Amino acid sequence: MPSITEGWACRLIKVTRFSGEEFWVNPHLIEFMEETPDTVISLVTGKKVVVKESATEIREKIIAYRRQLDEGGREWVSTENRGE
């Protein structure tokens, strides 16, 4: 089950750096992910982070998170908000 907790972290998903350090990412800021073969998460801010989890594992965490918000399956971001 995805790591979702109380308070501020309820808006975030937990991922792990290769050093073993766990940290929280806002799933609404993930623009795309790629496996190169390491998983690289690219955020809409331009920041990139490399994590231990596979893209599939992160996708499952995002789906579970969004289902908690009753947003499962409704993925739409206007091109105006993405800067296109």
C-alpha atoms as a PDB file:
ATOM      1  CA  MET A   1       0.000   0.000   0.000  1.00  0.00           C
ATOM      2  CA  PRO A   2       1.317   3.476  -0.847  1.00  0.00           C
ATOM      3  CA  SER A   3       2.750   5.552   1.948  1.00  0.00           C
ATOM      4  CA  ILE A   4       0.185   8.245   2.627  1.00  0.00           C
ATOM      5  CA  THR A   5      -0.019   9.749   6.085  1.00  0.00           C
ATOM      6  CA  GLU A   6      -1.738  12.475   8.120  1.00  0.00           C
ATOM      7  CA  GLY A   7      -1.302  16.255   7.888  1.00  0.00           C
ATOM      8  CA  TRP A   8       0.907  17.860   5.256  1.00  0.00           C
ATOM      9  CA  ALA A   9       2.126  14.507   4.006  1.00  0.00           C
ATOM     10  CA  CYS A  10      -1.398  13.488   2.969  1.00  0.00           C
ATOM     11  CA  ARG A  11      -0.770  15.584  -0.158  1.00  0.00           C
ATOM     12  CA  LEU A  12       2.437  13.728  -0.965  1.00  0.00           C
ATOM     13  CA  ILE A  13       3.746  10.272  -1.874  1.00  0.00           C
ATOM     14  CA  LYS A  14       6.861   8.731  -0.326  1.00  0.00           C
ATOM     15  CA  VAL A  15       9.784   7.711  -2.553  1.00  0.00           C
ATOM     16  CA  THR A  16      13.361   6.603  -1.823  1.00  0.00           C
ATOM     17  CA  ARG A  17      16.711   7.921  -3.005  1.00  0.00           C
ATOM     18  CA  PHE A  18      19.412   5.354  -3.802  1.00  0.00           C
ATOM     19  CA  SER A  19      21.128   6.375  -0.546  1.00  0.00           C
ATOM     20  CA  GLY A  20      18.095   4.960   1.290  1.00  0.00           C
ATOM     21  CA  GLU A  21      16.778   8.393   2.283  1.00  0.00           C
ATOM     22  CA  GLU A  22      12.996   8.559   2.042  1.00  0.00           C
ATOM     23  CA  PHE A  23      11.349  11.792   1.017  1.00  0.00           C
ATOM     24  CA  TRP A  24       7.961  13.076  -0.077  1.00  0.00           C
ATOM     25  CA  VAL A  25       6.936  14.249  -3.557  1.00  0.00           C
ATOM     26  CA  ASN A  26       3.804  16.126  -4.539  1.00  0.00           C
ATOM     27  CA  PRO A  27       2.276  13.866  -7.221  1.00  0.00           C
ATOM     28  CA  HIS A  28       0.506  16.839  -8.813  1.00  0.00           C
ATOM     29  CA  LEU A  29       3.927  18.282  -9.717  1.00  0.00           C
ATOM     30  CA  ILE A  30       5.150  15.181 -11.584  1.00  0.00           C
ATOM     31  CA  GLU A  31       5.319  15.998 -15.276  1.00  0.00           C
ATOM     32  CA  PHE A  32       6.725  12.664 -16.435  1.00  0.00           C
ATOM     33  CA  MET A  33       8.887   9.708 -15.391  1.00  0.00           C
ATOM     34  CA  GLU A  34      11.447   7.684 -17.294  1.00  0.00           C
ATOM     35  CA  GLU A  35      13.473   4.571 -16.569  1.00  0.00           C
ATOM     36  CA  THR A  36      17.014   5.048 -17.864  1.00  0.00           C
ATOM     37  CA  PRO A  37      17.325   2.294 -16.304  1.00  0.00           C
ATOM     38  CA  ASP A  38      17.054   4.210 -12.995  1.00  0.00           C
ATOM     39  CA  THR A  39      13.720   5.919 -12.450  1.00  0.00           C
ATOM     40  CA  VAL A  40      13.937   9.670 -13.002  1.00  0.00           C
ATOM     41  CA  ILE A  41      10.995  11.811 -11.907  1.00  0.00           C
ATOM     42  CA  SER A  42      10.749  15.137 -13.740  1.00  0.00           C
ATOM     43  CA  LEU A  43       8.703  17.800 -11.995  1.00  0.00           C
ATOM     44  CA  VAL A  44       6.895  20.716 -13.617  1.00  0.00           C
ATOM     45  CA  THR A  45       9.397  22.958 -11.808  1.00  0.00           C
ATOM     46  CA  GLY A  46      12.205  21.517 -13.940  1.00  0.00           C
ATOM     47  CA  LYS A  47      13.731  19.615 -11.016  1.00  0.00           C
ATOM     48  CA  LYS A  48      14.622  15.944 -11.579  1.00  0.00           C
ATOM     49  CA  VAL A  49      15.023  13.294  -8.902  1.00  0.00           C
ATOM     50  CA  VAL A  50      16.351   9.741  -9.222  1.00  0.00           C
ATOM     51  CA  VAL A  51      14.598   7.171  -7.047  1.00  0.00           C
ATOM     52  CA  LYS A  52      14.750   3.444  -6.246  1.00  0.00           C
ATOM     53  CA  GLU A  53      11.096   2.772  -7.043  1.00  0.00           C
ATOM     54  CA  SER A  54      10.099   1.767 -10.559  1.00  0.00           C
ATOM     55  CA  ALA A  55       7.860   4.042 -12.604  1.00  0.00           C
ATOM     56  CA  THR A  56       5.130   1.415 -12.227  1.00  0.00           C
ATOM     57  CA  GLU A  57       5.407   1.509  -8.415  1.00  0.00           C
ATOM     58  CA  ILE A  58       5.209   5.300  -8.404  1.00  0.00           C
ATOM     59  CA  ARG A  59       2.233   5.222 -10.771  1.00  0.00           C
ATOM     60  CA  GLU A  60       0.443   2.853  -8.376  1.00  0.00           C
ATOM     61  CA  LYS A  61       1.158   5.223  -5.469  1.00  0.00           C
ATOM     62  CA  ILE A  62      -0.228   8.136  -7.486  1.00  0.00           C
ATOM     63  CA  ILE A  63      -3.387   6.193  -8.391  1.00  0.00           C
ATOM     64  CA  ALA A  64      -3.975   5.201  -4.743  1.00  0.00           C
ATOM     65  CA  TYR A  65      -3.339   8.785  -3.616  1.00  0.00           C
ATOM     66  CA  ARG A  66      -5.755  10.242  -6.174  1.00  0.00           C
ATOM     67  CA  ARG A  67      -8.413   7.665  -5.301  1.00  0.00           C
ATOM     68  CA  GLN A  68      -8.221   8.928  -1.720  1.00  0.00           C
ATOM     69  CA  LEU A  69      -9.017  12.375  -3.099  1.00  0.00           C
ATOM     70  CA  ASP A  70     -11.754  10.907  -5.314  1.00  0.00           C
ATOM     71  CA  GLU A  71      -9.754  11.971  -8.359  1.00  0.00           C
ATOM     72  CA  GLY A  72      -8.939   8.537  -9.731  1.00  0.00           C
ATOM     73  CA  GLY A  73      -8.971   8.505 -13.523  1.00  0.00           C
ATOM     74  CA  ARG A  74      -9.482  12.245 -13.950  1.00  0.00           C
ATOM     75  CA  GLU A  75      -6.136  13.422 -15.235  1.00  0.00           C
ATOM     76  CA  TRP A  76      -6.332  16.711 -17.063  1.00  0.00           C
ATOM     77  CA  VAL A  77      -4.019  19.698 -17.004  1.00  0.00           C
ATOM     78  CA  SER A  78      -4.699  22.576 -19.360  1.00  0.00           C
ATOM     79  CA  THR A  79      -1.870  23.534 -21.657  1.00  0.00           C
ATOM     80  CA  GLU A  80      -2.098  27.042 -20.180  1.00  0.00           C
ATOM     81  CA  ASN A  81      -1.111  25.657 -16.753  1.00  0.00           C
ATOM     82  CA  ARG A  82       1.749  23.655 -18.270  1.00  0.00           C
ATOM     83  CA  GLY A  83       3.122  26.724 -20.045  1.00  0.00           C
ATOM     84  CA  GLU A  84       2.551  25.414 -23.572  1.00  0.00           C
END
